[in-house]
């Protein structure tokens, strides 16, 4: 018997906020598939939400494995640092970055959302396996937090090191 929920159970138990979050990820995916301008603040929304959810897992569940969470965060940090997007152009005057088209960001957002949903719904559907699932959720949350902290630091580094952009006609 598998302790993971099947896709039908995931869709049935998905809260409304989960569907809203999935719509946000889908919108990001649509724009991420082509070269595009994005504000720095807008680019940071999903990573900061994922960091917040990962930190909330530790706060909301006092019985979680803090050591497993921290080890996963430390090991995921370099991966996030080296996979952050390198902007093609930066306009710090208006706080915008021109990003290359990429399948990596949408795939990463969707994968994290699906794994997190699977783990959380499986905890509800299979209470007998709650301890195993809690440990897996904790380690996954730590890895996501570490990844996105590295990602944010690297993006900030790219943002501030980029040469100034000459004035142009506008953004699309």
C-alpha atoms as a PDB file:
ATOM      1  CA  UNK A   1       0.000   0.000   0.000  1.00  0.00           C
ATOM      2  CA  UNK A   2       1.347   3.387  -0.966  1.00  0.00           C
ATOM      3  CA  UNK A   3       1.367   6.186   1.570  1.00  0.00           C
ATOM      4  CA  UNK A   4       1.074   8.785  -1.172  1.00  0.00           C
ATOM      5  CA  UNK A   5      -2.257  10.169  -2.318  1.00  0.00           C
ATOM      6  CA  UNK A   6      -3.403   9.611  -5.878  1.00  0.00           C
ATOM      7  CA  UNK A   7      -4.034  12.594  -8.201  1.00  0.00           C
ATOM      8  CA  UNK A   8      -7.808  12.438  -7.707  1.00  0.00           C
ATOM      9  CA  UNK A   9      -7.384  12.740  -3.942  1.00  0.00           C
ATOM     10  CA  UNK A  10      -5.023  15.678  -4.392  1.00  0.00           C
ATOM     11  CA  UNK A  11      -7.531  17.560  -6.536  1.00  0.00           C
ATOM     12  CA  UNK A  12     -10.387  16.703  -4.178  1.00  0.00           C
ATOM     13  CA  UNK A  13      -8.531  17.884  -1.048  1.00  0.00           C
ATOM     14  CA  UNK A  14      -6.887  20.965  -2.571  1.00  0.00           C
ATOM     15  CA  UNK A  15      -7.963  24.097  -0.666  1.00  0.00           C
ATOM     16  CA  UNK A  16      -9.065  27.189  -2.569  1.00  0.00           C
ATOM     17  CA  UNK A  17      -5.786  28.960  -1.815  1.00  0.00           C
ATOM     18  CA  UNK A  18      -4.008  26.059  -3.508  1.00  0.00           C
ATOM     19  CA  UNK A  19      -5.942  26.662  -6.716  1.00  0.00           C
ATOM     20  CA  UNK A  20      -5.151  30.392  -6.537  1.00  0.00           C
ATOM     21  CA  UNK A  21      -1.473  29.569  -6.035  1.00  0.00           C
ATOM     22  CA  UNK A  22      -1.572  27.150  -8.992  1.00  0.00           C
ATOM     23  CA  UNK A  23      -3.092  29.906 -11.174  1.00  0.00           C
ATOM     24  CA  UNK A  24      -0.256  32.240 -10.134  1.00  0.00           C
ATOM     25  CA  UNK A  25       2.315  29.578 -11.043  1.00  0.00           C
ATOM     26  CA  UNK A  26       0.602  28.967 -14.383  1.00  0.00           C
ATOM     27  CA  UNK A  27       0.677  32.700 -15.155  1.00  0.00           C
ATOM     28  CA  UNK A  28       4.393  32.801 -14.291  1.00  0.00           C
ATOM     29  CA  UNK A  29       4.988  29.833 -16.544  1.00  0.00           C
ATOM     30  CA  UNK A  30       3.260  31.563 -19.443  1.00  0.00           C
ATOM     31  CA  UNK A  31       5.458  34.668 -19.170  1.00  0.00           C
ATOM     32  CA  UNK A  32       8.621  32.720 -18.383  1.00  0.00           C
ATOM     33  CA  UNK A  33       8.563  30.905 -21.708  1.00  0.00           C
ATOM     34  CA  UNK A  34       9.640  34.009 -23.624  1.00  0.00           C
ATOM     35  CA  UNK A  35      12.115  36.860 -23.195  1.00  0.00           C
ATOM     36  CA  UNK A  36      10.349  39.373 -20.988  1.00  0.00           C
ATOM     37  CA  UNK A  37      10.744  42.387 -18.718  1.00  0.00           C
ATOM     38  CA  UNK A  38       9.676  41.924 -15.117  1.00  0.00           C
ATOM     39  CA  UNK A  39       9.878  44.128 -12.064  1.00  0.00           C
ATOM     40  CA  UNK A  40      12.285  42.950  -9.399  1.00  0.00           C
ATOM     41  CA  UNK A  41       9.514  42.925  -6.780  1.00  0.00           C
ATOM     42  CA  UNK A  42       7.210  40.884  -9.018  1.00  0.00           C
ATOM     43  CA  UNK A  43       9.972  38.363  -9.686  1.00  0.00           C
ATOM     44  CA  UNK A  44      10.442  37.822  -5.950  1.00  0.00           C
ATOM     45  CA  UNK A  45       6.785  37.007  -5.150  1.00  0.00           C
ATOM     46  CA  UNK A  46       6.829  33.234  -5.674  1.00  0.00           C
ATOM     47  CA  UNK A  47      10.283  32.597  -4.159  1.00  0.00           C
ATOM     48  CA  UNK A  48       9.340  34.576  -1.052  1.00  0.00           C
ATOM     49  CA  UNK A  49       6.023  32.710  -0.796  1.00  0.00           C
ATOM     50  CA  UNK A  50       7.854  29.379  -0.999  1.00  0.00           C
ATOM     51  CA  UNK A  51      10.330  30.543   1.672  1.00  0.00           C
ATOM     52  CA  UNK A  52       7.429  31.656   3.850  1.00  0.00           C
ATOM     53  CA  UNK A  53       5.637  28.308   3.477  1.00  0.00           C
ATOM     54  CA  UNK A  54       8.854  26.457   4.325  1.00  0.00           C
ATOM     55  CA  UNK A  55       9.398  28.527   7.457  1.00  0.00           C
ATOM     56  CA  UNK A  56       5.734  28.180   8.432  1.00  0.00           C
ATOM     57  CA  UNK A  57       6.111  24.388   8.335  1.00  0.00           C
ATOM     58  CA  UNK A  58       8.673  24.604  11.133  1.00  0.00           C
ATOM     59  CA  UNK A  59       6.646  27.084  13.170  1.00  0.00           C
ATOM     60  CA  UNK A  60       3.269  25.365  12.757  1.00  0.00           C
ATOM     61  CA  UNK A  61       4.523  21.858  13.544  1.00  0.00           C
ATOM     62  CA  UNK A  62       6.506  21.767  16.782  1.00  0.00           C
ATOM     63  CA  UNK A  63       7.248  18.046  16.376  1.00  0.00           C
ATOM     64  CA  UNK A  64       9.139  18.545  13.112  1.00  0.00           C
ATOM     65  CA  UNK A  65      12.728  17.483  12.622  1.00  0.00           C
ATOM     66  CA  UNK A  66      14.608  20.793  12.752  1.00  0.00           C
ATOM     67  CA  UNK A  67      17.954  19.113  12.063  1.00  0.00           C
ATOM     68  CA  UNK A  68      16.655  17.430   8.896  1.00  0.00           C
ATOM     69  CA  UNK A  69      15.118  20.718   7.786  1.00  0.00           C
ATOM     70  CA  UNK A  70      18.397  22.616   8.362  1.00  0.00           C
ATOM     71  CA  UNK A  71      20.589  20.003   6.641  1.00  0.00           C
ATOM     72  CA  UNK A  72      18.290  20.010   3.605  1.00  0.00           C
ATOM     73  CA  UNK A  73      18.392  23.826   3.529  1.00  0.00           C
ATOM     74  CA  UNK A  74      22.197  23.897   3.657  1.00  0.00           C
ATOM     75  CA  UNK A  75      22.555  21.337   0.869  1.00  0.00           C
ATOM     76  CA  UNK A  76      19.968  23.038  -1.376  1.00  0.00           C
ATOM     77  CA  UNK A  77      21.466  26.540  -0.980  1.00  0.00           C
ATOM     78  CA  UNK A  78      24.257  26.128  -3.599  1.00  0.00           C
ATOM     79  CA  UNK A  79      21.828  24.667  -6.114  1.00  0.00           C
ATOM     80  CA  UNK A  80      19.622  27.736  -5.778  1.00  0.00           C
ATOM     81  CA  UNK A  81      22.595  30.067  -5.909  1.00  0.00           C
ATOM     82  CA  UNK A  82      23.881  28.626  -9.187  1.00  0.00           C
ATOM     83  CA  UNK A  83      20.520  28.293 -10.935  1.00  0.00           C
ATOM     84  CA  UNK A  84      19.230  31.844 -10.432  1.00  0.00           C
ATOM     85  CA  UNK A  85      18.460  33.611 -13.699  1.00  0.00           C
ATOM     86  CA  UNK A  86      21.114  35.886 -15.106  1.00  0.00           C
ATOM     87  CA  UNK A  87      19.257  38.955 -16.396  1.00  0.00           C
ATOM     88  CA  UNK A  88      19.989  39.996 -19.956  1.00  0.00           C
ATOM     89  CA  UNK A  89      19.543  43.630 -18.998  1.00  0.00           C
ATOM     90  CA  UNK A  90      18.843  45.463 -15.751  1.00  0.00           C
ATOM     91  CA  UNK A  91      17.218  48.876 -15.415  1.00  0.00           C
ATOM     92  CA  UNK A  92      17.669  49.807 -11.757  1.00  0.00           C
ATOM     93  CA  UNK A  93      16.103  53.209 -12.385  1.00  0.00           C
ATOM     94  CA  UNK A  94      12.678  51.559 -12.660  1.00  0.00           C
ATOM     95  CA  UNK A  95      13.574  48.256 -10.967  1.00  0.00           C
ATOM     96  CA  UNK A  96      13.096  45.988 -13.994  1.00  0.00           C
ATOM     97  CA  UNK A  97      15.024  43.032 -15.353  1.00  0.00           C
ATOM     98  CA  UNK A  98      14.959  41.544 -18.818  1.00  0.00           C
ATOM     99  CA  UNK A  99      15.002  37.783 -18.381  1.00  0.00           C
ATOM    100  CA  UNK A 100      15.749  35.124 -20.968  1.00  0.00           C
ATOM    101  CA  UNK A 101      13.109  32.613 -21.971  1.00  0.00           C
ATOM    102  CA  UNK A 102      13.365  29.537 -19.797  1.00  0.00           C
ATOM    103  CA  UNK A 103      11.517  26.341 -19.052  1.00  0.00           C
ATOM    104  CA  UNK A 104      13.466  25.940 -15.787  1.00  0.00           C
ATOM    105  CA  UNK A 105      11.534  28.449 -13.656  1.00  0.00           C
ATOM    106  CA  UNK A 106       8.027  27.279 -14.578  1.00  0.00           C
ATOM    107  CA  UNK A 107       9.026  23.630 -14.234  1.00  0.00           C
ATOM    108  CA  UNK A 108      10.648  24.288 -10.855  1.00  0.00           C
ATOM    109  CA  UNK A 109       7.612  26.192  -9.519  1.00  0.00           C
ATOM    110  CA  UNK A 110       5.224  23.492 -10.694  1.00  0.00           C
ATOM    111  CA  UNK A 111       7.361  20.643  -9.334  1.00  0.00           C
ATOM    112  CA  UNK A 112       7.630  22.262  -5.905  1.00  0.00           C
ATOM    113  CA  UNK A 113       3.891  22.937  -5.837  1.00  0.00           C
ATOM    114  CA  UNK A 114       3.027  19.361  -6.842  1.00  0.00           C
ATOM    115  CA  UNK A 115       5.402  17.707  -4.367  1.00  0.00           C
ATOM    116  CA  UNK A 116       4.246  19.950  -1.537  1.00  0.00           C
ATOM    117  CA  UNK A 117       0.579  19.288  -2.394  1.00  0.00           C
ATOM    118  CA  UNK A 118       1.229  15.546  -2.572  1.00  0.00           C
ATOM    119  CA  UNK A 119       2.870  15.504   0.852  1.00  0.00           C
ATOM    120  CA  UNK A 120       0.229  17.655   2.560  1.00  0.00           C
ATOM    121  CA  UNK A 121      -2.740  15.775   1.094  1.00  0.00           C
ATOM    122  CA  UNK A 122      -1.104  12.421   1.845  1.00  0.00           C
ATOM    123  CA  UNK A 123      -0.860  13.434   5.507  1.00  0.00           C
ATOM    124  CA  UNK A 124      -4.634  13.950   5.529  1.00  0.00           C
ATOM    125  CA  UNK A 125      -5.523  10.837   3.543  1.00  0.00           C
ATOM    126  CA  UNK A 126      -3.131   8.445   5.328  1.00  0.00           C
ATOM    127  CA  UNK A 127      -2.988   9.431   9.015  1.00  0.00           C
ATOM    128  CA  UNK A 128      -1.283   6.111   9.845  1.00  0.00           C
ATOM    129  CA  UNK A 129       1.809   7.235   7.925  1.00  0.00           C
ATOM    130  CA  UNK A 130       1.803  10.744   9.373  1.00  0.00           C
ATOM    131  CA  UNK A 131       5.246  10.452  11.028  1.00  0.00           C
ATOM    132  CA  UNK A 132       6.987   9.404   7.802  1.00  0.00           C
ATOM    133  CA  UNK A 133       5.156  12.037   5.789  1.00  0.00           C
ATOM    134  CA  UNK A 134       5.874  14.713   8.387  1.00  0.00           C
ATOM    135  CA  UNK A 135       9.594  13.973   8.148  1.00  0.00           C
ATOM    136  CA  UNK A 136       9.473  14.056   4.332  1.00  0.00           C
ATOM    137  CA  UNK A 137       7.498  17.327   4.379  1.00  0.00           C
ATOM    138  CA  UNK A 138       9.976  18.852   6.816  1.00  0.00           C
ATOM    139  CA  UNK A 139      13.025  17.879   4.762  1.00  0.00           C
ATOM    140  CA  UNK A 140      11.368  19.057   1.546  1.00  0.00           C
ATOM    141  CA  UNK A 141      10.425  22.391   3.155  1.00  0.00           C
ATOM    142  CA  UNK A 142      14.028  22.893   4.301  1.00  0.00           C
ATOM    143  CA  UNK A 143      15.338  22.125   0.828  1.00  0.00           C
ATOM    144  CA  UNK A 144      12.927  24.628  -0.746  1.00  0.00           C
ATOM    145  CA  UNK A 145      13.868  27.349   1.755  1.00  0.00           C
ATOM    146  CA  UNK A 146      17.595  26.769   1.253  1.00  0.00           C
ATOM    147  CA  UNK A 147      17.191  26.687  -2.520  1.00  0.00           C
ATOM    148  CA  UNK A 148      15.268  29.936  -2.697  1.00  0.00           C
ATOM    149  CA  UNK A 149      17.486  31.775  -0.222  1.00  0.00           C
ATOM    150  CA  UNK A 150      20.458  30.902  -2.456  1.00  0.00           C
ATOM    151  CA  UNK A 151      18.420  31.855  -5.523  1.00  0.00           C
ATOM    152  CA  UNK A 152      17.434  35.249  -4.070  1.00  0.00           C
ATOM    153  CA  UNK A 153      21.001  36.069  -3.002  1.00  0.00           C
ATOM    154  CA  UNK A 154      22.326  35.198  -6.453  1.00  0.00           C
ATOM    155  CA  UNK A 155      19.608  37.212  -8.201  1.00  0.00           C
ATOM    156  CA  UNK A 156      20.368  40.217  -5.992  1.00  0.00           C
ATOM    157  CA  UNK A 157      24.046  39.830  -6.862  1.00  0.00           C
ATOM    158  CA  UNK A 158      23.253  39.744 -10.612  1.00  0.00           C
ATOM    159  CA  UNK A 159      20.921  42.712 -10.203  1.00  0.00           C
ATOM    160  CA  UNK A 160      23.491  44.947  -8.509  1.00  0.00           C
ATOM    161  CA  UNK A 161      26.461  43.875 -10.660  1.00  0.00           C
ATOM    162  CA  UNK A 162      24.707  44.348 -13.994  1.00  0.00           C
ATOM    163  CA  UNK A 163      25.899  47.332 -16.012  1.00  0.00           C
ATOM    164  CA  UNK A 164      23.434  50.224 -16.148  1.00  0.00           C
ATOM    165  CA  UNK A 165      20.982  50.055 -19.004  1.00  0.00           C
ATOM    166  CA  UNK A 166      20.924  52.909 -21.485  1.00  0.00           C
ATOM    167  CA  UNK A 167      17.603  54.716 -21.768  1.00  0.00           C
ATOM    168  CA  UNK A 168      15.263  52.938 -24.151  1.00  0.00           C
ATOM    169  CA  UNK A 169      11.849  53.517 -25.606  1.00  0.00           C
ATOM    170  CA  UNK A 170       9.941  51.266 -23.254  1.00  0.00           C
ATOM    171  CA  UNK A 171       9.085  47.820 -22.032  1.00  0.00           C
ATOM    172  CA  UNK A 172       6.903  45.112 -23.389  1.00  0.00           C
END
